[in-house]
PDB file of N, CA and C in Angstrom:
ATOM      1  N   MET A   1    -167.756  62.637 -27.854  1.00  0.00           N
ATOM      2  CA  MET A   1    -167.821  63.046 -26.544  1.00  0.00           C
ATOM      3  C   MET A   1    -168.829  62.024 -25.712  1.00  0.00           C
ATOM      4  N   ALA A   2    -168.622  61.833 -24.735  1.00  0.00           N
ATOM      5  CA  ALA A   2    -169.503  60.681 -23.789  1.00  0.00           C
ATOM      6  C   ALA A   2    -170.338  61.385 -23.015  1.00  0.00           C
ATOM      7  N   THR A   3    -171.413  60.988 -22.754  1.00  0.00           N
ATOM      8  CA  THR A   3    -172.317  61.749 -21.935  1.00  0.00           C
ATOM      9  C   THR A   3    -172.624  60.980 -20.634  1.00  0.00           C
ATOM     10  N   VAL A   4    -172.704  61.962 -19.950  1.00  0.00           N
ATOM     11  CA  VAL A   4    -172.442  61.515 -18.294  1.00  0.00           C
ATOM     12  C   VAL A   4    -173.725  61.639 -17.757  1.00  0.00           C
ATOM     13  N   TYR A   5    -174.340  60.443 -17.319  1.00  0.00           N
ATOM     14  CA  TYR A   5    -175.620  60.455 -16.515  1.00  0.00           C
ATOM     15  C   TYR A   5    -175.536  60.521 -15.110  1.00  0.00           C
ATOM     16  N   SER A   6    -176.316  61.182 -14.236  1.00  0.00           N
ATOM     17  CA  SER A   6    -176.380  61.158 -13.151  1.00  0.00           C
ATOM     18  C   SER A   6    -177.063  59.894 -12.408  1.00  0.00           C
ATOM     19  N   ILE A   7    -176.768  59.015 -11.199  1.00  0.00           N
ATOM     20  CA  ILE A   7    -177.594  57.949 -10.865  1.00  0.00           C
ATOM     21  C   ILE A   7    -178.372  58.604  -9.796  1.00  0.00           C
ATOM     22  N   ASN A   8    -179.893  58.019  -9.800  1.00  0.00           N
ATOM     23  CA  ASN A   8    -180.495  58.291  -9.035  1.00  0.00           C
ATOM     24  C   ASN A   8    -180.746  57.228  -7.581  1.00  0.00           C
ATOM     25  N   ARG A   9    -180.068  57.516  -6.650  1.00  0.00           N
ATOM     26  CA  ARG A   9    -179.732  56.480  -5.630  1.00  0.00           C
ATOM     27  C   ARG A   9    -180.956  56.327  -4.577  1.00  0.00           C
ATOM     28  N   GLY A  10    -182.073  57.170  -4.868  1.00  0.00           N
ATOM     29  CA  GLY A  10    -183.260  56.875  -4.056  1.00  0.00           C
ATOM     30  C   GLY A  10    -184.455  56.170  -4.519  1.00  0.00           C
ATOM     31  N   ILE A  11    -184.010  55.099  -5.506  1.00  0.00           N
ATOM     32  CA  ILE A  11    -185.040  54.158  -6.292  1.00  0.00           C
ATOM     33  C   ILE A  11    -185.207  53.351  -5.314  1.00  0.00           C
ATOM     34  N   ASN A  12    -186.974  53.177  -5.242  1.00  0.00           N
ATOM     35  CA  ASN A  12    -187.204  52.268  -4.087  1.00  0.00           C
ATOM     36  C   ASN A  12    -187.183  52.439  -2.589  1.00  0.00           C
ATOM     37  N   ARG A  13    -186.950  53.722  -2.507  1.00  0.00           N
ATOM     38  CA  ARG A  13    -186.876  54.070  -1.073  1.00  0.00           C
ATOM     39  C   ARG A  13    -188.248  55.062  -0.646  1.00  0.00           C
ATOM     40  N   SER A  14    -188.539  54.974   0.364  1.00  0.00           N
ATOM     41  CA  SER A  14    -189.941  55.681   0.659  1.00  0.00           C
ATOM     42  C   SER A  14    -189.673  57.461   0.786  1.00  0.00           C
ATOM     43  N   LEU A  15    -190.683  57.590   0.707  1.00  0.00           N
ATOM     44  CA  LEU A  15    -190.517  59.592   0.472  1.00  0.00           C
ATOM     45  C   LEU A  15    -190.365  59.597   2.374  1.00  0.00           C
ATOM     46  N   GLU A  16    -189.248  60.533   2.399  1.00  0.00           N
ATOM     47  CA  GLU A  16    -189.138  61.073   3.709  1.00  0.00           C
ATOM     48  C   GLU A  16    -189.107  62.892   3.705  1.00  0.00           C
ATOM     49  N   PHE A  17    -189.423  63.150   4.674  1.00  0.00           N
ATOM     50  CA  PHE A  17    -189.353  64.769   4.656  1.00  0.00           C
ATOM     51  C   PHE A  17    -189.075  65.058   6.147  1.00  0.00           C
ATOM     52  N   LYS A  18    -187.869  65.693   6.536  1.00  0.00           N
ATOM     53  CA  LYS A  18    -187.606  66.207   7.878  1.00  0.00           C
ATOM     54  C   LYS A  18    -187.895  65.177   8.999  1.00  0.00           C
ATOM     55  N   GLY A  19    -187.839  63.740   8.334  1.00  0.00           N
ATOM     56  CA  GLY A  19    -187.945  62.694   9.596  1.00  0.00           C
ATOM     57  C   GLY A  19    -189.162  61.932   9.585  1.00  0.00           C
ATOM     58  N   ILE A  20    -190.079  62.483   8.664  1.00  0.00           N
ATOM     59  CA  ILE A  20    -191.105  62.138   8.686  1.00  0.00           C
ATOM     60  C   ILE A  20    -191.649  61.268   7.513  1.00  0.00           C
ATOM     61  N   LYS A  21    -192.055  60.234   7.457  1.00  0.00           N
ATOM     62  CA  LYS A  21    -191.651  58.844   6.475  1.00  0.00           C
ATOM     63  C   LYS A  21    -192.975  58.549   6.139  1.00  0.00           C
ATOM     64  N   ALA A  22    -192.915  58.165   4.627  1.00  0.00           N
ATOM     65  CA  ALA A  22    -193.989  57.610   3.732  1.00  0.00           C
ATOM     66  C   ALA A  22    -195.515  58.410   3.883  1.00  0.00           C
ATOM     67  N   GLN A  23    -196.271  57.695   4.470  1.00  0.00           N
ATOM     68  CA  GLN A  23    -197.841  58.375   4.323  1.00  0.00           C
ATOM     69  C   GLN A  23    -198.052  59.397   5.404  1.00  0.00           C
ATOM     70  N   TYR A  24    -197.275  59.408   6.188  1.00  0.00           N
ATOM     71  CA  TYR A  24    -197.366  60.497   7.259  1.00  0.00           C
ATOM     72  C   TYR A  24    -196.915  61.909   6.844  1.00  0.00           C
ATOM     73  N   VAL A  25    -196.273  62.015   5.722  1.00  0.00           N
ATOM     74  CA  VAL A  25    -196.046  63.335   5.106  1.00  0.00           C
ATOM     75  C   VAL A  25    -197.445  63.735   4.216  1.00  0.00           C
ATOM     76  N   ILE A  26    -198.140  62.543   3.908  1.00  0.00           N
ATOM     77  CA  ILE A  26    -199.393  63.007   3.271  1.00  0.00           C
ATOM     78  C   ILE A  26    -200.258  63.400   4.309  1.00  0.00           C
ATOM     79  N   TYR A  27    -200.436  62.782   5.380  1.00  0.00           N
ATOM     80  CA  TYR A  27    -201.330  63.116   6.624  1.00  0.00           C
ATOM     81  C   TYR A  27    -201.035  64.725   7.217  1.00  0.00           C
ATOM     82  N   LEU A  28    -199.857  64.953   7.100  1.00  0.00           N
ATOM     83  CA  LEU A  28    -199.473  66.213   7.413  1.00  0.00           C
ATOM     84  C   LEU A  28    -199.884  67.160   6.463  1.00  0.00           C
ATOM     85  N   ALA A  29    -199.767  67.016   5.212  1.00  0.00           N
ATOM     86  CA  ALA A  29    -200.061  67.907   4.234  1.00  0.00           C
ATOM     87  C   ALA A  29    -201.624  67.891   4.198  1.00  0.00           C
ATOM     88  N   LEU A  30    -202.186  67.201   4.421  1.00  0.00           N
ATOM     89  CA  LEU A  30    -203.914  67.272   4.505  1.00  0.00           C
ATOM     90  C   LEU A  30    -204.180  68.019   5.566  1.00  0.00           C
ATOM     91  N   GLY A  31    -203.842  67.612   6.601  1.00  0.00           N
ATOM     92  CA  GLY A  31    -203.855  68.478   7.966  1.00  0.00           C
ATOM     93  C   GLY A  31    -203.758  69.942   7.850  1.00  0.00           C
ATOM     94  N   LEU A  32    -202.671  70.142   7.119  1.00  0.00           N
ATOM     95  CA  LEU A  32    -202.291  71.546   7.095  1.00  0.00           C
ATOM     96  C   LEU A  32    -203.127  72.397   6.081  1.00  0.00           C
ATOM     97  N   VAL A  33    -203.618  71.598   4.929  1.00  0.00           N
ATOM     98  CA  VAL A  33    -204.624  72.121   4.113  1.00  0.00           C
ATOM     99  C   VAL A  33    -205.958  72.554   4.669  1.00  0.00           C
ATOM    100  N   LEU A  34    -206.179  71.399   5.790  1.00  0.00           N
ATOM    101  CA  LEU A  34    -207.356  71.852   6.441  1.00  0.00           C
ATOM    102  C   LEU A  34    -207.252  72.957   7.468  1.00  0.00           C
ATOM    103  N   LEU A  35    -206.070  73.252   7.945  1.00  0.00           N
ATOM    104  CA  LEU A  35    -205.935  74.034   8.816  1.00  0.00           C
ATOM    105  C   LEU A  35    -206.195  75.560   8.184  1.00  0.00           C
ATOM    106  N   LEU A  36    -205.786  75.563   6.786  1.00  0.00           N
ATOM    107  CA  LEU A  36    -205.661  76.797   5.837  1.00  0.00           C
ATOM    108  C   LEU A  36    -206.923  77.154   5.582  1.00  0.00           C
ATOM    109  N   LEU A  37    -207.769  75.841   5.256  1.00  0.00           N
ATOM    110  CA  LEU A  37    -209.435  76.331   5.123  1.00  0.00           C
ATOM    111  C   LEU A  37    -210.085  76.600   6.344  1.00  0.00           C
ATOM    112  N   LEU A  38    -209.695  76.281   7.329  1.00  0.00           N
ATOM    113  CA  LEU A  38    -210.095  76.593   8.585  1.00  0.00           C
ATOM    114  C   LEU A  38    -210.054  78.239   8.905  1.00  0.00           C
ATOM    115  N   PHE A  39    -208.758  78.796   8.672  1.00  0.00           N
ATOM    116  CA  PHE A  39    -208.433  79.911   8.842  1.00  0.00           C
ATOM    117  C   PHE A  39    -209.081  80.863   7.689  1.00  0.00           C
ATOM    118  N   ALA A  40    -209.068  80.357   6.530  1.00  0.00           N
ATOM    119  CA  ALA A  40    -209.954  80.902   5.508  1.00  0.00           C
ATOM    120  C   ALA A  40    -211.719  81.248   5.865  1.00  0.00           C
ATOM    121  N   ALA A  41    -212.032  80.121   6.589  1.00  0.00           N
ATOM    122  CA  ALA A  41    -213.424  80.122   7.139  1.00  0.00           C
ATOM    123  C   ALA A  41    -213.573  81.446   8.135  1.00  0.00           C
ATOM    124  N   PHE A  42    -212.931  81.189   9.032  1.00  0.00           N
ATOM    125  CA  PHE A  42    -212.610  82.333  10.103  1.00  0.00           C
ATOM    126  C   PHE A  42    -212.689  83.701   9.524  1.00  0.00           C
ATOM    127  N   HIS A  43    -211.725  83.878   8.589  1.00  0.00           N
ATOM    128  CA  HIS A  43    -211.626  85.050   7.824  1.00  0.00           C
ATOM    129  C   HIS A  43    -212.827  85.489   7.231  1.00  0.00           C
ATOM    130  N   ILE A  44    -213.576  84.770   6.666  1.00  0.00           N
ATOM    131  CA  ILE A  44    -214.733  84.894   5.795  1.00  0.00           C
ATOM    132  C   ILE A  44    -215.871  85.205   7.104  1.00  0.00           C
ATOM    133  N   ALA A  45    -215.910  84.553   8.049  1.00  0.00           N
ATOM    134  CA  ALA A  45    -216.823  84.762   9.015  1.00  0.00           C
ATOM    135  C   ALA A  45    -216.538  85.733  10.107  1.00  0.00           C
ATOM    136  N   HIS A  46    -215.463  86.819   9.580  1.00  0.00           N
ATOM    137  CA  HIS A  46    -215.237  87.916  10.291  1.00  0.00           C
ATOM    138  C   HIS A  46    -214.779  87.728  11.815  1.00  0.00           C
ATOM    139  N   ILE A  47    -214.268  86.551  11.831  1.00  0.00           N
ATOM    140  CA  ILE A  47    -213.581  86.411  13.398  1.00  0.00           C
ATOM    141  C   ILE A  47    -212.025  87.149  13.305  1.00  0.00           C
ATOM    142  N   ASN A  48    -212.195  87.815  14.647  1.00  0.00           N
ATOM    143  CA  ASN A  48    -211.023  88.666  14.992  1.00  0.00           C
ATOM    144  C   ASN A  48    -209.502  87.670  14.548  1.00  0.00           C
ATOM    145  N   LEU A  49    -208.766  88.772  13.851  1.00  0.00           N
ATOM    146  CA  LEU A  49    -207.372  87.720  13.352  1.00  0.00           C
ATOM    147  C   LEU A  49    -206.797  87.180  14.464  1.00  0.00           C
ATOM    148  N   TYR A  50    -206.367  87.888  15.840  1.00  0.00           N
ATOM    149  CA  TYR A  50    -205.832  87.388  16.764  1.00  0.00           C
ATOM    150  C   TYR A  50    -206.374  85.868  17.378  1.00  0.00           C
ATOM    151  N   VAL A  51    -207.678  85.950  17.397  1.00  0.00           N
ATOM    152  CA  VAL A  51    -208.472  84.819  17.805  1.00  0.00           C
ATOM    153  C   VAL A  51    -208.014  83.732  16.913  1.00  0.00           C
ATOM    154  N   SER A  52    -208.366  83.737  15.944  1.00  0.00           N
ATOM    155  CA  SER A  52    -207.982  82.987  14.591  1.00  0.00           C
ATOM    156  C   SER A  52    -206.780  82.249  14.635  1.00  0.00           C
ATOM    157  N   ILE A  53    -205.783  83.292  14.707  1.00  0.00           N
ATOM    158  CA  ILE A  53    -204.412  82.730  15.008  1.00  0.00           C
ATOM    159  C   ILE A  53    -204.047  82.078  16.113  1.00  0.00           C
ATOM    160  N   ALA A  54    -204.386  82.525  17.147  1.00  0.00           N
ATOM    161  CA  ALA A  54    -204.424  81.819  18.575  1.00  0.00           C
ATOM    162  C   ALA A  54    -205.219  80.276  18.455  1.00  0.00           C
ATOM    163  N   ILE A  55    -206.127  80.116  17.389  1.00  0.00           N
ATOM    164  CA  ILE A  55    -206.857  78.529  17.414  1.00  0.00           C
ATOM    165  C   ILE A  55    -205.636  78.064  16.328  1.00  0.00           C
ATOM    166  N   ILE A  56    -205.469  78.608  15.232  1.00  0.00           N
ATOM    167  CA  ILE A  56    -204.692  77.863  14.104  1.00  0.00           C
ATOM    168  C   ILE A  56    -203.273  77.339  14.553  1.00  0.00           C
ATOM    169  N   LEU A  57    -202.401  78.354  15.178  1.00  0.00           N
ATOM    170  CA  LEU A  57    -201.087  78.098  15.378  1.00  0.00           C
ATOM    171  C   LEU A  57    -201.010  76.693  16.261  1.00  0.00           C
ATOM    172  N   PRO A  58    -201.814  76.721  17.522  1.00  0.00           N
ATOM    173  CA  PRO A  58    -201.345  75.552  18.376  1.00  0.00           C
ATOM    174  C   PRO A  58    -202.027  74.401  17.823  1.00  0.00           C
ATOM    175  N   ALA A  59    -203.247  74.334  16.768  1.00  0.00           N
ATOM    176  CA  ALA A  59    -203.861  73.283  16.240  1.00  0.00           C
ATOM    177  C   ALA A  59    -202.479  72.738  14.981  1.00  0.00           C
ATOM    178  N   GLY A  60    -202.070  73.696  14.625  1.00  0.00           N
ATOM    179  CA  GLY A  60    -200.825  72.943  13.587  1.00  0.00           C
ATOM    180  C   GLY A  60    -199.790  72.632  14.266  1.00  0.00           C
ATOM    181  N   GLY A  61    -199.502  73.086  15.435  1.00  0.00           N
ATOM    182  CA  GLY A  61    -198.161  72.664  16.333  1.00  0.00           C
ATOM    183  C   GLY A  61    -198.502  71.076  16.505  1.00  0.00           C
ATOM    184  N   ALA A  62    -199.898  71.435  17.142  1.00  0.00           N
ATOM    185  CA  ALA A  62    -200.157  69.804  17.658  1.00  0.00           C
ATOM    186  C   ALA A  62    -200.438  68.671  16.646  1.00  0.00           C
ATOM    187  N   LEU A  63    -200.502  69.184  15.352  1.00  0.00           N
ATOM    188  CA  LEU A  63    -200.719  68.231  14.066  1.00  0.00           C
ATOM    189  C   LEU A  63    -199.286  67.904  13.793  1.00  0.00           C
ATOM    190  N   VAL A  64    -198.324  68.816  13.799  1.00  0.00           N
ATOM    191  CA  VAL A  64    -197.031  68.219  13.274  1.00  0.00           C
ATOM    192  C   VAL A  64    -196.389  67.278  14.568  1.00  0.00           C
ATOM    193  N   LEU A  65    -196.608  67.799  15.930  1.00  0.00           N
ATOM    194  CA  LEU A  65    -196.219  66.863  16.584  1.00  0.00           C
ATOM    195  C   LEU A  65    -196.625  65.637  16.652  1.00  0.00           C
ATOM    196  N   THR A  66    -198.156  65.305  16.449  1.00  0.00           N
ATOM    197  CA  THR A  66    -198.820  64.090  16.186  1.00  0.00           C
ATOM    198  C   THR A  66    -198.250  63.309  15.219  1.00  0.00           C
ATOM    199  N   VAL A  67    -198.249  63.840  14.069  1.00  0.00           N
ATOM    200  CA  VAL A  67    -197.755  63.039  12.978  1.00  0.00           C
ATOM    201  C   VAL A  67    -196.301  62.549  13.307  1.00  0.00           C
ATOM    202  N   LYS A  68    -195.373  63.468  13.589  1.00  0.00           N
ATOM    203  CA  LYS A  68    -194.097  63.178  14.156  1.00  0.00           C
ATOM    204  C   LYS A  68    -193.785  61.993  15.029  1.00  0.00           C
ATOM    205  N   ARG A  69    -194.834  62.307  15.769  1.00  0.00           N
ATOM    206  CA  ARG A  69    -194.646  61.040  16.962  1.00  0.00           C
ATOM    207  C   ARG A  69    -195.266  59.865  16.514  1.00  0.00           C
ATOM    208  N   LEU A  70    -196.265  59.799  15.549  1.00  0.00           N
ATOM    209  CA  LEU A  70    -196.938  58.506  14.935  1.00  0.00           C
ATOM    210  C   LEU A  70    -195.726  58.101  13.799  1.00  0.00           C
ATOM    211  N   SER A  71    -194.963  59.062  13.214  1.00  0.00           N
ATOM    212  CA  SER A  71    -194.203  58.469  12.238  1.00  0.00           C
ATOM    213  C   SER A  71    -192.753  57.818  13.198  1.00  0.00           C
ATOM    214  N   ASP A  72    -192.473  58.442  14.081  1.00  0.00           N
ATOM    215  CA  ASP A  72    -191.238  57.658  15.120  1.00  0.00           C
ATOM    216  C   ASP A  72    -191.777  56.470  15.550  1.00  0.00           C
ATOM    217  N   ARG A  73    -193.150  56.334  15.952  1.00  0.00           N
ATOM    218  CA  ARG A  73    -193.443  55.251  16.825  1.00  0.00           C
ATOM    219  C   ARG A  73    -193.559  53.920  16.028  1.00  0.00           C
ATOM    220  N   TYR A  74    -194.370  53.925  14.591  1.00  0.00           N
ATOM    221  CA  TYR A  74    -194.978  52.963  14.160  1.00  0.00           C
ATOM    222  C   TYR A  74    -194.223  52.749  12.778  1.00  0.00           C
ATOM    223  N   GLY A  75    -193.157  53.672  12.460  1.00  0.00           N
ATOM    224  CA  GLY A  75    -192.271  53.573  11.055  1.00  0.00           C
ATOM    225  C   GLY A  75    -193.385  53.691   9.686  1.00  0.00           C
ATOM    226  N   GLU A  76    -192.546  53.351   8.495  1.00  0.00           N
ATOM    227  CA  GLU A  76    -193.300  53.389   7.362  1.00  0.00           C
ATOM    228  C   GLU A  76    -194.361  52.719   7.385  1.00  0.00           C
ATOM    229  N   HIS A  77    -194.527  51.655   7.458  1.00  0.00           N
ATOM    230  CA  HIS A  77    -195.784  50.795   7.342  1.00  0.00           C
ATOM    231  C   HIS A  77    -196.551  50.434   8.600  1.00  0.00           C
ATOM    232  N   GLY A  78    -195.993  50.675   9.839  1.00  0.00           N
ATOM    233  CA  GLY A  78    -196.305  50.364  11.241  1.00  0.00           C
ATOM    234  C   GLY A  78    -197.872  50.734  11.574  1.00  0.00           C
ATOM    235  N   LEU A  79    -198.245  51.699  11.244  1.00  0.00           N
ATOM    236  CA  LEU A  79    -199.383  52.149  11.443  1.00  0.00           C
ATOM    237  C   LEU A  79    -200.417  51.532  10.721  1.00  0.00           C
ATOM    238  N   THR A  80    -200.492  51.053   9.285  1.00  0.00           N
ATOM    239  CA  THR A  80    -201.468  50.064   8.602  1.00  0.00           C
ATOM    240  C   THR A  80    -201.386  48.682   9.492  1.00  0.00           C
ATOM    241  N   LYS A  81    -200.190  48.098   9.902  1.00  0.00           N
ATOM    242  CA  LYS A  81    -199.973  46.864  10.384  1.00  0.00           C
ATOM    243  C   LYS A  81    -200.725  46.976  11.729  1.00  0.00           C
ATOM    244  N   HIS A  82    -200.451  47.917  12.472  1.00  0.00           N
ATOM    245  CA  HIS A  82    -201.139  48.448  13.870  1.00  0.00           C
ATOM    246  C   HIS A  82    -202.784  48.332  13.629  1.00  0.00           C
ATOM    247  N   SER A  83    -203.554  48.977  12.690  1.00  0.00           N
ATOM    248  CA  SER A  83    -204.883  48.888  12.449  1.00  0.00           C
ATOM    249  C   SER A  83    -205.191  47.647  11.864  1.00  0.00           C
ATOM    250  N   ALA A  84    -204.437  46.990  11.045  1.00  0.00           N
ATOM    251  CA  ALA A  84    -204.759  45.489  10.862  1.00  0.00           C
ATOM    252  C   ALA A  84    -204.726  44.512  11.844  1.00  0.00           C
ATOM    253  N   VAL A  85    -203.953  44.677  12.547  1.00  0.00           N
ATOM    254  CA  VAL A  85    -204.102  43.824  13.753  1.00  0.00           C
ATOM    255  C   VAL A  85    -205.351  44.079  14.615  1.00  0.00           C
ATOM    256  N   ARG A  86    -205.573  45.022  14.698  1.00  0.00           N
ATOM    257  CA  ARG A  86    -206.871  45.472  15.855  1.00  0.00           C
ATOM    258  C   ARG A  86    -208.139  44.832  14.954  1.00  0.00           C
ATOM    259  N   ARG A  87    -208.161  44.912  13.893  1.00  0.00           N
ATOM    260  CA  ARG A  87    -209.167  44.260  13.074  1.00  0.00           C
ATOM    261  C   ARG A  87    -209.218  42.901  13.040  1.00  0.00           C
ATOM    262  N   LEU A  88    -208.270  42.078  13.485  1.00  0.00           N
ATOM    263  CA  LEU A  88    -208.425  40.646  13.510  1.00  0.00           C
ATOM    264  C   LEU A  88    -209.400  40.124  14.616  1.00  0.00           C
ATOM    265  N   PRO A  89    -210.245  39.132  14.410  1.00  0.00           N
ATOM    266  CA  PRO A  89    -211.042  38.459  15.337  1.00  0.00           C
ATOM    267  C   PRO A  89    -210.008  37.727  16.403  1.00  0.00           C
ATOM    268  N   THR A  90    -210.524  37.862  17.597  1.00  0.00           N
ATOM    269  CA  THR A  90    -209.701  37.205  18.618  1.00  0.00           C
ATOM    270  C   THR A  90    -209.709  35.578  18.648  1.00  0.00           C
ATOM    271  N   SER A  91    -210.977  35.183  18.239  1.00  0.00           N
ATOM    272  CA  SER A  91    -211.035  33.723  18.120  1.00  0.00           C
ATOM    273  C   SER A  91    -212.179  33.518  16.842  1.00  0.00           C
ATOM    274  N   VAL A  92    -212.217  32.179  16.280  1.00  0.00           N
ATOM    275  CA  VAL A  92    -213.083  32.281  15.305  1.00  0.00           C
ATOM    276  C   VAL A  92    -214.097  30.617  15.885  1.00  0.00           C
ATOM    277  N   GLN A  93    -215.244  30.979  15.983  1.00  0.00           N
ATOM    278  CA  GLN A  93    -216.196  29.805  16.500  1.00  0.00           C
ATOM    279  C   GLN A  93    -216.825  29.096  15.577  1.00  0.00           C
ATOM    280  N   SER A  94    -216.792  27.835  15.712  1.00  0.00           N
ATOM    281  CA  SER A  94    -218.108  26.936  14.570  1.00  0.00           C
ATOM    282  C   SER A  94    -218.814  26.232  15.594  1.00  0.00           C
ATOM    283  N   ARG A  95    -220.250  26.406  15.262  1.00  0.00           N
ATOM    284  CA  ARG A  95    -220.884  25.512  16.144  1.00  0.00           C
ATOM    285  C   ARG A  95    -221.576  23.824  15.284  1.00  0.00           C
ATOM    286  N   SER A  96    -220.888  24.132  14.381  1.00  0.00           N
ATOM    287  CA  SER A  96    -221.238  22.569  13.617  1.00  0.00           C
ATOM    288  C   SER A  96    -219.985  22.008  12.945  1.00  0.00           C
ATOM    289  N   ARG A  97    -220.066  20.848  12.444  1.00  0.00           N
ATOM    290  CA  ARG A  97    -219.148  20.512  11.836  1.00  0.00           C
ATOM    291  C   ARG A  97    -219.455  20.535  10.112  1.00  0.00           C
ATOM    292  N   LYS A  98    -220.389  20.850  10.033  1.00  0.00           N
ATOM    293  CA  LYS A  98    -221.053  20.616   8.628  1.00  0.00           C
ATOM    294  C   LYS A  98    -220.069  21.494   7.556  1.00  0.00           C
ATOM    295  N   ILE A  99    -219.505  22.643   8.152  1.00  0.00           N
ATOM    296  CA  ILE A  99    -218.825  23.120   6.756  1.00  0.00           C
ATOM    297  C   ILE A  99    -217.747  22.608   6.489  1.00  0.00           C
ATOM    298  N   PHE A 100    -217.109  21.993   7.456  1.00  0.00           N
ATOM    299  CA  PHE A 100    -215.859  21.065   7.222  1.00  0.00           C
ATOM    300  C   PHE A 100    -215.933  20.028   6.414  1.00  0.00           C
ATOM    301  N   LEU A 101    -217.479  19.265   6.563  1.00  0.00           N
ATOM    302  CA  LEU A 101    -217.522  17.871   5.773  1.00  0.00           C
ATOM    303  C   LEU A 101    -217.900  18.428   4.334  1.00  0.00           C
ATOM    304  N   GLN A 102    -218.313  19.509   4.146  1.00  0.00           N
ATOM    305  CA  GLN A 102    -218.954  19.603   2.629  1.00  0.00           C
ATOM    306  C   GLN A 102    -217.162  20.169   1.925  1.00  0.00           C
ATOM    307  N   LEU A 103    -216.093  20.477   2.648  1.00  0.00           N
ATOM    308  CA  LEU A 103    -215.183  20.683   1.957  1.00  0.00           C
ATOM    309  C   LEU A 103    -214.702  19.733   0.858  1.00  0.00           C
ATOM    310  N   LYS A 104    -214.162  20.041  -0.177  1.00  0.00           N
ATOM    311  CA  LYS A 104    -213.705  19.176  -1.389  1.00  0.00           C
ATOM    312  C   LYS A 104    -212.393  19.204  -0.950  1.00  0.00           C
ATOM    313  N   PRO A 105    -211.827  17.848  -1.132  1.00  0.00           N
ATOM    314  CA  PRO A 105    -210.279  17.787  -1.114  1.00  0.00           C
ATOM    315  C   PRO A 105    -209.668  18.203  -2.101  1.00  0.00           C
ATOM    316  N   SER A 106    -208.353  18.968  -1.854  1.00  0.00           N
ATOM    317  CA  SER A 106    -207.636  19.675  -2.915  1.00  0.00           C
ATOM    318  C   SER A 106    -206.692  18.840  -3.555  1.00  0.00           C
ATOM    319  N   THR A 107    -206.054  19.353  -4.902  1.00  0.00           N
ATOM    320  CA  THR A 107    -205.389  18.206  -5.802  1.00  0.00           C
ATOM    321  C   THR A 107    -204.144  17.641  -5.022  1.00  0.00           C
ATOM    322  N   SER A 108    -203.869  18.222  -4.203  1.00  0.00           N
ATOM    323  CA  SER A 108    -202.635  17.735  -3.416  1.00  0.00           C
ATOM    324  C   SER A 108    -202.761  16.750  -2.248  1.00  0.00           C
ATOM    325  N   GLU A 109    -203.933  16.522  -1.848  1.00  0.00           N
ATOM    326  CA  GLU A 109    -204.412  15.678  -0.994  1.00  0.00           C
ATOM    327  C   GLU A 109    -204.764  14.251  -1.915  1.00  0.00           C
ATOM    328  N   LYS A 110    -205.300  14.557  -3.356  1.00  0.00           N
ATOM    329  CA  LYS A 110    -205.638  13.452  -3.865  1.00  0.00           C
ATOM    330  C   LYS A 110    -204.359  12.593  -4.628  1.00  0.00           C
ATOM    331  N   ALA A 111    -203.262  13.364  -4.576  1.00  0.00           N
ATOM    332  CA  ALA A 111    -202.104  12.623  -5.001  1.00  0.00           C
ATOM    333  C   ALA A 111    -201.547  11.505  -3.850  1.00  0.00           C
TER     334      ALA A 111
END
């Protein structure tokens, strides 16, 4: 009797949950955990339940909307690329030729 194996067609594809891609799923999960801890802190501090819900629910909605907007705007790797571009220097300045004169020729230049 032959064994039938199912094929996993999701290999090498990024994680996606309800339109939220890749690392944004992790950002959303961490944000929700922080909101849960904030709600627990409000409960321990004996803050009124309605006040804490009035703070947590809009913060959760804002979190979901922000993460969804970032995921749609930048895509899977776009936010990382955007932050990398922002860290690039606008120009490189050299006040002397000394550093270039001390360079050793590479093996391809010798040939």
